[in-house]
Amino acid sequence: MTSNGSNSNEPFVSVGPSADAPGPAPAEQDLEAKWRSVVGRRSFLKGMGLAGAAALPGSALFASEAMARSAALTKGDVAILRFLAAAELIESDLWQQYNELGGVNGGNPAYMAALSNLDSDMPQYIADNTDDELSHAAFLNAYLRSKGAQPVNLDEFRTLPSSKATGAKQIGRLTNLQSLDVDTSWYVRYRSTQNPDLGAHFPQAVTISREPAIPLSDTDTPPGLPAPVPPVGTQETRMQAIANTAGFHFAFIEQGGSSLYSIMALKATSLEVLRIIVSIGGVETNHFSLWHDKAGNAVAQPLAGVTDPETGVTFPDLNAKGGELNQTNLILPEPCEFLHRSLPDCSIVRPTLDSSGGAVAAIDGFTADRLFEGQSPKFFRTVRHLAREADAAERRLH
């Protein structure tokens, strides 16, 4: 295990908060008091590295507890936050590409028009989602620094090419949106009564293979194209297929975040770290709900039936197949098996186990998505190392 190995029972010793960091608010002090009552004063003191503190005078004890709250994280908590920071940097990179081309202030009118066929507010939603991910990455790294822990910087890996289409900035990227294999099994999973945590497997709702999710060049898809519904003409049809792919990819990314944050919350030791994880995780779930709804419009009338003339990827009319597993307006999670098959079905985020939705599973999913196509071996070693350490973190109560 490396220096950040998360199975260690020793706290991560920090250099303390920044000079201008505010002290804990009364509400936070009350939350911390409740947390101590759950885990027990002795286990709390031991967990903060203050074994034997009971012998200290009362005022010294309270001062020590306050310092422990503000200046120390376990190695496991640091590992969790560092991986989440890396994941948010990756998400920020891909969302910035979508935003440059298709956001409310995006620079590719034809792409924006095709996205708007899924929902007229798509450009605004893309811009808002981008802002959210940027804020998550910035906050997590700033919080790590405030605790004396090392933030995450992936700038050396911003080497992948940008789209050549109008609107795209010509800068290095962490992620590749130009030839994706989008996993659409989430669409079936969230309509099913079965749970991947209990061994269930789900088919693809739509087969999306080697398909771009952003326009590649103005020759391929000129920025002045109209966007009729249904599309007419080869270039208009290709642009709509690209926008439809983006719609499914948005949901694929955000459903993974919903599971990842739920799983990481189970590993946190610090109440404040737990608060961070569940607070950001709730926003990731909001994102997924939004994009789940919009993706369904790509496989419902009047857009259903679009086929990319270059790749052959087709977006069928799923409603025509019948059954709840295909019904496009069923966007809320159906109740499913949870914990044990003998218990009643329950509507939940799923998966919530490491094997299907943890940090390593998230990186594996991104890799299978071809999101990292063209990245260096060092990049994969770096993100997999962060993922393994996050998955190894354990909540410590004693």
Protein backbone atom coordinates (compact mmCIF):
# COMPACT_ATOMS: atom_id res chain seq x y z
CA MET A 1 0.00 0.00 0.00
CA THR A 2 1.33 3.43 -0.88
CA SER A 3 1.55 6.43 1.39
CA ASN A 4 -2.12 7.21 0.76
CA GLY A 5 -3.20 3.61 1.34
CA SER A 6 -6.72 3.84 2.64
CA ASN A 7 -6.88 0.73 4.84
CA SER A 8 -4.56 2.33 7.39
CA ASN A 9 -6.11 3.18 10.77
CA GLU A 10 -3.87 6.21 11.17
CA PRO A 11 -5.26 9.67 10.43
CA PHE A 12 -3.92 11.69 7.54
CA VAL A 13 -1.84 14.34 9.28
CA SER A 14 -2.38 17.68 7.65
CA VAL A 15 -0.51 20.96 7.90
CA GLY A 16 -3.74 22.57 9.03
CA PRO A 17 -6.31 24.80 7.40
CA SER A 18 -5.46 27.97 5.57
CA ALA A 19 -5.07 31.09 7.68
CA ASP A 20 -8.38 32.52 6.55
CA ALA A 21 -10.36 29.30 6.88
CA PRO A 22 -13.49 29.92 9.01
CA GLY A 23 -14.05 27.93 12.16
CA PRO A 24 -16.91 25.46 12.43
CA ALA A 25 -20.33 27.08 12.54
CA PRO A 26 -22.66 26.33 15.49
CA ALA A 27 -24.79 24.08 13.28
CA GLU A 28 -21.71 22.13 12.25
CA GLN A 29 -20.65 21.81 15.88
CA ASP A 30 -24.08 20.40 16.69
CA LEU A 31 -23.80 17.90 13.83
CA GLU A 32 -20.37 16.84 15.04
CA ALA A 33 -21.73 16.35 18.57
CA LYS A 34 -24.46 14.09 17.22
CA TRP A 35 -21.89 12.16 15.20
CA ARG A 36 -19.77 11.60 18.33
CA SER A 37 -22.83 10.29 20.17
CA VAL A 38 -23.24 7.65 17.45
CA VAL A 39 -19.67 6.38 17.28
CA GLY A 40 -18.85 7.00 20.95
CA ARG A 41 -16.51 9.57 22.49
CA ARG A 42 -13.68 7.10 22.95
CA SER A 43 -13.75 5.86 19.34
CA PHE A 44 -14.05 9.45 18.12
CA LEU A 45 -10.95 10.53 20.05
CA LYS A 46 -9.02 7.50 18.90
CA GLY A 47 -10.09 8.09 15.30
CA MET A 48 -8.83 11.64 15.47
CA GLY A 49 -5.44 10.48 16.76
CA LEU A 50 -6.14 11.78 20.29
CA ALA A 51 -5.85 8.56 22.30
CA GLY A 52 -5.35 9.44 25.95
CA ALA A 53 -6.95 12.84 25.51
CA ALA A 54 -9.40 12.07 28.29
CA ALA A 55 -6.64 12.95 30.72
CA LEU A 56 -6.44 16.51 29.39
CA PRO A 57 -8.21 19.45 31.03
CA GLY A 58 -11.64 20.20 29.61
CA SER A 59 -10.59 23.35 27.75
CA ALA A 60 -7.58 21.60 26.19
CA LEU A 61 -9.77 18.68 25.16
CA PHE A 62 -12.26 20.93 23.37
CA ALA A 63 -9.43 22.81 21.63
CA SER A 64 -7.89 19.52 20.53
CA GLU A 65 -11.20 18.26 19.20
CA ALA A 66 -11.73 21.47 17.25
CA MET A 67 -8.26 21.19 15.73
CA ALA A 68 -8.88 17.54 14.84
CA ARG A 69 -12.08 18.47 13.06
CA SER A 70 -10.46 21.18 11.01
CA ALA A 71 -7.00 19.80 10.35
CA ALA A 72 -7.03 16.04 9.89
CA LEU A 73 -8.52 13.52 7.48
CA THR A 74 -7.97 9.79 7.42
CA LYS A 75 -5.97 8.43 4.52
CA GLY A 76 -9.14 6.75 3.33
CA ASP A 77 -11.07 10.01 3.22
CA VAL A 78 -8.21 11.66 1.33
CA ALA A 79 -8.18 8.80 -1.18
CA ILE A 80 -11.93 9.14 -1.72
CA LEU A 81 -11.77 12.89 -2.24
CA ARG A 82 -8.76 12.68 -4.54
CA PHE A 83 -10.48 10.17 -6.81
CA LEU A 84 -13.67 12.22 -6.86
CA ALA A 85 -11.62 15.29 -7.76
CA ALA A 86 -10.05 13.35 -10.64
CA ALA A 87 -13.46 12.13 -11.80
CA GLU A 88 -14.80 15.69 -11.73
CA LEU A 89 -11.82 16.96 -13.73
CA ILE A 90 -12.55 14.28 -16.32
CA GLU A 91 -16.24 15.18 -16.37
CA SER A 92 -15.42 18.88 -16.58
CA ASP A 93 -13.24 18.24 -19.61
CA LEU A 94 -15.92 16.39 -21.56
CA TRP A 95 -18.67 18.82 -20.55
CA GLN A 96 -16.54 21.78 -21.64
CA GLN A 97 -16.32 20.23 -25.11
CA TYR A 98 -20.09 19.81 -25.24
CA ASN A 99 -20.57 23.35 -23.96
CA GLU A 100 -18.20 24.97 -26.46
CA LEU A 101 -20.16 23.50 -29.34
CA GLY A 102 -23.70 23.08 -28.01
CA GLY A 103 -24.14 25.11 -24.82
CA VAL A 104 -26.32 28.19 -24.59
CA ASN A 105 -23.36 30.29 -25.71
CA GLY A 106 -22.00 27.55 -27.93
CA GLY A 107 -20.36 28.21 -31.24
CA ASN A 108 -21.91 25.59 -33.52
CA PRO A 109 -25.47 26.59 -34.52
CA ALA A 110 -26.25 23.35 -36.37
CA TYR A 111 -25.27 21.19 -33.39
CA MET A 112 -27.24 23.41 -31.03
CA ALA A 113 -30.29 23.11 -33.30
CA ALA A 114 -30.03 19.31 -33.45
CA LEU A 115 -29.67 19.11 -29.66
CA SER A 116 -32.69 21.40 -29.31
CA ASN A 117 -34.76 18.80 -31.21
CA LEU A 118 -34.39 16.65 -28.07
CA ASP A 119 -35.54 19.56 -25.91
CA SER A 120 -35.60 23.27 -26.66
CA ASP A 121 -33.67 23.99 -23.44
CA MET A 122 -30.83 21.55 -24.12
CA PRO A 123 -28.19 24.28 -24.67
CA GLN A 124 -29.03 25.86 -21.31
CA TYR A 125 -28.95 22.50 -19.54
CA ILE A 126 -25.55 21.71 -21.07
CA ALA A 127 -24.14 25.04 -19.87
CA ASP A 128 -25.52 24.51 -16.36
CA ASN A 129 -24.20 20.93 -16.15
CA THR A 130 -20.77 22.18 -17.22
CA ASP A 131 -20.76 24.86 -14.53
CA ASP A 132 -21.74 22.27 -11.92
CA GLU A 133 -18.88 19.91 -12.78
CA LEU A 134 -16.34 22.73 -12.84
CA SER A 135 -17.52 23.83 -9.38
CA HIS A 136 -17.25 20.27 -8.04
CA ALA A 137 -13.67 19.85 -9.26
CA ALA A 138 -12.60 23.26 -7.93
CA PHE A 139 -14.23 22.69 -4.54
CA LEU A 140 -12.82 19.20 -3.98
CA ASN A 141 -9.28 20.30 -4.79
CA ALA A 142 -9.60 23.43 -2.64
CA TYR A 143 -10.92 21.36 0.27
CA LEU A 144 -8.02 18.92 -0.05
CA ARG A 145 -5.56 21.82 0.02
CA SER A 146 -7.28 23.30 3.07
CA LYS A 147 -6.60 20.02 4.88
CA GLY A 148 -2.96 19.87 3.85
CA ALA A 149 -3.66 17.04 1.41
CA GLN A 150 -2.43 16.90 -2.16
CA PRO A 151 -4.95 18.08 -4.76
CA VAL A 152 -5.30 16.37 -8.13
CA ASN A 153 -3.84 17.88 -11.30
CA LEU A 154 -4.31 16.08 -14.62
CA ASP A 155 -3.04 18.90 -16.83
CA GLU A 156 -0.08 16.90 -18.14
CA PHE A 157 -2.58 14.54 -19.78
CA ARG A 158 -4.45 17.23 -21.73
CA THR A 159 -3.02 15.92 -24.98
CA LEU A 160 -6.02 14.62 -26.95
CA PRO A 161 -7.13 16.56 -30.04
CA SER A 162 -10.11 18.88 -30.20
CA SER A 163 -12.89 18.72 -32.75
CA LYS A 164 -12.17 20.78 -35.88
CA ALA A 165 -15.78 21.95 -36.11
CA THR A 166 -16.74 25.59 -35.71
CA GLY A 167 -17.03 26.48 -32.02
CA ALA A 168 -14.43 24.07 -30.64
CA LYS A 169 -11.38 25.59 -28.96
CA GLN A 170 -8.13 24.16 -30.25
CA ILE A 171 -6.68 23.04 -26.92
CA GLY A 172 -5.54 19.72 -25.49
CA ARG A 173 -8.21 17.49 -23.97
CA LEU A 174 -8.35 14.76 -21.34
CA THR A 175 -11.24 13.00 -23.07
CA ASN A 176 -12.20 11.96 -26.58
CA LEU A 177 -15.82 12.42 -27.73
CA GLN A 178 -15.15 11.67 -31.39
CA SER A 179 -15.71 7.89 -31.55
CA LEU A 180 -17.69 6.53 -28.62
CA ASP A 181 -19.08 3.13 -27.69
CA VAL A 182 -21.88 4.35 -25.45
CA ASP A 183 -23.20 1.86 -22.89
CA THR A 184 -26.99 2.31 -23.00
CA SER A 185 -27.82 -0.58 -20.65
CA TRP A 186 -28.60 2.01 -17.93
CA TYR A 187 -31.83 2.73 -19.84
CA VAL A 188 -33.05 -0.83 -19.34
CA ARG A 189 -31.60 -1.16 -15.84
CA TYR A 190 -33.59 1.76 -14.44
CA ARG A 191 -36.83 0.35 -15.89
CA SER A 192 -36.19 -3.15 -14.59
CA THR A 193 -37.16 -4.69 -11.25
CA GLN A 194 -33.77 -6.43 -11.12
CA ASN A 195 -30.59 -5.07 -9.54
CA PRO A 196 -26.98 -5.38 -10.78
CA ASP A 197 -25.86 -5.61 -7.14
CA LEU A 198 -27.67 -8.95 -7.02
CA GLY A 199 -26.14 -10.22 -10.25
CA ALA A 200 -28.55 -8.91 -12.91
CA HIS A 201 -27.29 -8.01 -16.39
CA PHE A 202 -29.04 -5.78 -18.90
CA PRO A 203 -29.02 -5.49 -22.70
CA GLN A 204 -28.25 -2.36 -24.67
CA ALA A 205 -31.30 -0.19 -25.35
CA VAL A 206 -29.58 1.23 -28.46
CA THR A 207 -26.35 0.01 -30.03
CA ILE A 208 -24.04 3.03 -30.29
CA SER A 209 -20.62 1.99 -31.60
CA ARG A 210 -17.76 4.21 -32.85
CA GLU A 211 -20.14 7.16 -33.05
CA PRO A 212 -19.14 10.81 -32.47
CA ALA A 213 -21.06 12.76 -29.84
CA ILE A 214 -19.84 16.12 -31.17
CA PRO A 215 -19.48 17.35 -34.75
CA LEU A 216 -16.02 16.55 -36.11
CA SER A 217 -15.50 19.13 -38.85
CA ASP A 218 -17.35 21.68 -40.93
CA THR A 219 -16.87 19.53 -44.02
CA ASP A 220 -18.68 16.66 -42.33
CA THR A 221 -21.41 18.76 -40.71
CA PRO A 222 -21.46 22.45 -41.71
CA PRO A 223 -22.40 24.83 -38.88
CA GLY A 224 -25.19 26.42 -40.93
CA LEU A 225 -27.22 23.24 -41.42
CA PRO A 226 -30.96 23.34 -40.70
CA ALA A 227 -32.36 20.83 -38.23
CA PRO A 228 -35.77 19.68 -39.50
CA VAL A 229 -37.71 16.97 -37.66
CA PRO A 230 -37.36 14.36 -38.95
CA PRO A 231 -34.05 15.26 -40.58
CA VAL A 232 -33.68 15.30 -44.36
CA GLY A 233 -30.43 15.07 -46.28
CA THR A 234 -27.26 13.21 -45.45
CA GLN A 235 -25.52 15.92 -43.43
CA GLU A 236 -28.63 16.90 -41.47
CA THR A 237 -29.28 13.25 -40.60
CA ARG A 238 -25.68 12.73 -39.48
CA MET A 239 -25.81 15.82 -37.27
CA GLN A 240 -29.02 14.60 -35.62
CA ALA A 241 -27.48 11.17 -35.02
CA ILE A 242 -24.50 12.89 -33.38
CA ALA A 243 -26.84 14.94 -31.16
CA ASN A 244 -28.83 11.81 -30.26
CA THR A 245 -25.60 10.09 -29.27
CA ALA A 246 -24.75 13.03 -27.03
CA GLY A 247 -28.17 12.74 -25.37
CA PHE A 248 -27.52 9.11 -24.42
CA HIS A 249 -23.92 9.85 -23.45
CA PHE A 250 -24.98 12.63 -21.08
CA ALA A 251 -27.15 10.16 -19.17
CA PHE A 252 -24.48 7.44 -19.24
CA ILE A 253 -21.96 9.79 -17.60
CA GLU A 254 -24.31 11.07 -14.92
CA GLN A 255 -25.87 7.74 -13.91
CA GLY A 256 -22.34 6.57 -13.18
CA GLY A 257 -21.80 9.60 -10.94
CA SER A 258 -25.01 8.84 -9.05
CA SER A 259 -23.76 5.36 -8.16
CA LEU A 260 -20.15 6.43 -7.53
CA TYR A 261 -21.04 9.07 -4.96
CA SER A 262 -23.51 6.74 -3.23
CA ILE A 263 -20.80 4.10 -2.92
CA MET A 264 -18.08 6.49 -1.74
CA ALA A 265 -20.40 7.86 0.96
CA LEU A 266 -20.43 4.42 2.59
CA LYS A 267 -16.64 4.58 3.02
CA ALA A 268 -16.25 8.05 4.56
CA THR A 269 -15.08 8.44 8.15
CA SER A 270 -15.31 12.20 8.65
CA LEU A 271 -18.79 13.64 9.01
CA GLU A 272 -17.69 16.66 6.98
CA VAL A 273 -16.38 14.45 4.16
CA LEU A 274 -19.65 12.50 4.23
CA ARG A 275 -21.51 15.80 3.98
CA ILE A 276 -19.45 16.77 0.92
CA ILE A 277 -20.02 13.43 -0.81
CA VAL A 278 -23.79 13.27 -0.32
CA SER A 279 -24.22 16.95 -1.21
CA ILE A 280 -22.37 16.67 -4.51
CA GLY A 281 -23.82 13.22 -5.16
CA GLY A 282 -27.34 14.59 -4.99
CA VAL A 283 -26.55 16.98 -7.82
CA GLU A 284 -25.13 14.14 -9.92
CA THR A 285 -28.43 12.31 -9.46
CA ASN A 286 -30.31 15.44 -10.51
CA HIS A 287 -28.21 15.53 -13.66
CA PHE A 288 -29.03 11.92 -14.46
CA SER A 289 -32.77 12.48 -14.05
CA LEU A 290 -32.60 15.39 -16.47
CA TRP A 291 -30.62 13.55 -19.17
CA HIS A 292 -32.63 10.35 -18.78
CA ASP A 293 -35.68 12.31 -19.88
CA LYS A 294 -33.95 13.94 -22.86
CA ALA A 295 -32.34 10.73 -24.14
CA GLY A 296 -35.78 9.15 -24.45
CA ASN A 297 -36.76 11.79 -26.99
CA ALA A 298 -34.12 10.45 -29.39
CA VAL A 299 -35.91 7.09 -29.55
CA ALA A 300 -39.52 8.34 -29.63
CA GLN A 301 -41.56 9.93 -32.39
CA PRO A 302 -41.05 12.20 -34.25
CA LEU A 303 -37.25 11.74 -34.06
CA ALA A 304 -37.21 7.94 -33.87
CA GLY A 305 -35.68 6.16 -36.83
CA VAL A 306 -32.64 8.39 -37.41
CA THR A 307 -29.67 6.45 -38.86
CA ASP A 308 -26.20 7.93 -39.18
CA PRO A 309 -25.28 7.58 -42.89
CA GLU A 310 -21.56 7.29 -42.02
CA THR A 311 -21.60 4.74 -39.17
CA GLY A 312 -24.98 3.03 -39.55
CA VAL A 313 -25.89 3.71 -35.90
CA THR A 314 -29.70 3.75 -35.67
CA PHE A 315 -32.01 5.24 -33.05
CA PRO A 316 -35.13 3.07 -33.26
CA ASP A 317 -38.63 3.80 -32.01
CA LEU A 318 -38.40 2.04 -28.64
CA ASN A 319 -42.05 2.67 -27.83
CA ALA A 320 -43.00 0.57 -30.86
CA LYS A 321 -41.37 -2.45 -29.20
CA GLY A 322 -43.84 -2.30 -26.32
CA GLY A 323 -43.31 -3.10 -22.65
CA GLU A 324 -42.06 -1.02 -19.75
CA LEU A 325 -38.41 -1.75 -20.50
CA ASN A 326 -38.77 0.34 -23.66
CA GLN A 327 -41.35 2.96 -22.70
CA THR A 328 -39.66 6.34 -23.11
CA ASN A 329 -41.73 8.35 -20.62
CA LEU A 330 -40.85 6.08 -17.69
CA ILE A 331 -37.93 8.15 -16.48
CA LEU A 332 -38.16 7.62 -12.69
CA PRO A 333 -36.35 4.57 -11.26
CA GLU A 334 -38.66 1.58 -11.09
CA PRO A 335 -38.66 -0.22 -7.72
CA CYS A 336 -36.21 -3.10 -7.83
CA GLU A 337 -34.68 -5.79 -5.65
CA PHE A 338 -32.54 -4.27 -2.91
CA LEU A 339 -30.17 -5.89 -0.41
CA HIS A 340 -31.98 -9.24 -0.54
CA ARG A 341 -34.63 -10.76 -2.78
CA SER A 342 -36.82 -11.57 0.24
CA LEU A 343 -37.33 -7.83 0.87
CA PRO A 344 -39.88 -5.68 -0.99
CA ASP A 345 -38.74 -3.92 -4.14
CA CYS A 346 -37.51 -0.38 -3.56
CA SER A 347 -36.85 2.55 -5.93
CA ILE A 348 -33.13 3.32 -5.56
CA VAL A 349 -29.95 4.42 -7.26
CA ARG A 350 -28.21 1.29 -8.57
CA PRO A 351 -25.65 -0.17 -8.49
CA THR A 352 -24.38 0.66 -5.00
CA LEU A 353 -21.55 -1.89 -4.73
CA ASP A 354 -17.90 -1.40 -5.70
CA SER A 355 -17.92 -4.23 -8.23
CA SER A 356 -20.36 -2.46 -10.57
CA GLY A 357 -20.27 1.17 -9.56
CA GLY A 358 -17.14 1.93 -7.53
CA ALA A 359 -14.09 3.93 -8.52
CA VAL A 360 -12.36 1.19 -10.54
CA ALA A 361 -15.67 0.31 -12.20
CA ALA A 362 -16.11 3.98 -13.14
CA ILE A 363 -12.70 4.12 -14.84
CA ASP A 364 -13.37 0.80 -16.56
CA GLY A 365 -16.70 2.16 -17.80
CA PHE A 366 -15.09 5.32 -19.17
CA THR A 367 -12.42 3.22 -20.86
CA ALA A 368 -14.97 0.87 -22.46
CA ASP A 369 -16.82 4.00 -23.61
CA ARG A 370 -13.64 4.92 -25.56
CA LEU A 371 -13.68 8.19 -23.66
CA PHE A 372 -9.91 7.90 -23.13
CA GLU A 373 -9.05 6.77 -26.66
CA GLY A 374 -5.53 7.99 -27.40
CA GLN A 375 -4.50 8.58 -23.77
CA SER A 376 -1.02 7.60 -22.56
CA PRO A 377 -0.17 4.55 -20.42
CA LYS A 378 0.85 6.96 -17.64
CA PHE A 379 -2.64 8.46 -17.63
CA PHE A 380 -4.21 5.04 -17.14
CA ARG A 381 -1.73 4.17 -14.37
CA THR A 382 -2.51 7.45 -12.63
CA VAL A 383 -6.30 7.25 -12.68
CA ARG A 384 -6.36 3.53 -11.87
CA HIS A 385 -4.09 4.11 -8.89
CA LEU A 386 -6.44 6.82 -7.59
CA ALA A 387 -9.42 4.51 -8.20
CA ARG A 388 -7.91 1.53 -6.37
CA GLU A 389 -7.09 3.64 -3.33
CA ALA A 390 -10.61 5.08 -3.22
CA ASP A 391 -12.20 1.63 -3.45
CA ALA A 392 -9.90 0.40 -0.65
CA ALA A 393 -11.04 3.12 1.76
CA GLU A 394 -13.01 1.92 4.75
CA ARG A 395 -15.16 3.78 7.24
CA ARG A 396 -13.42 3.71 10.59
CA LEU A 397 -15.59 3.89 13.69
CA HIS A 398 -13.32 2.30 16.31
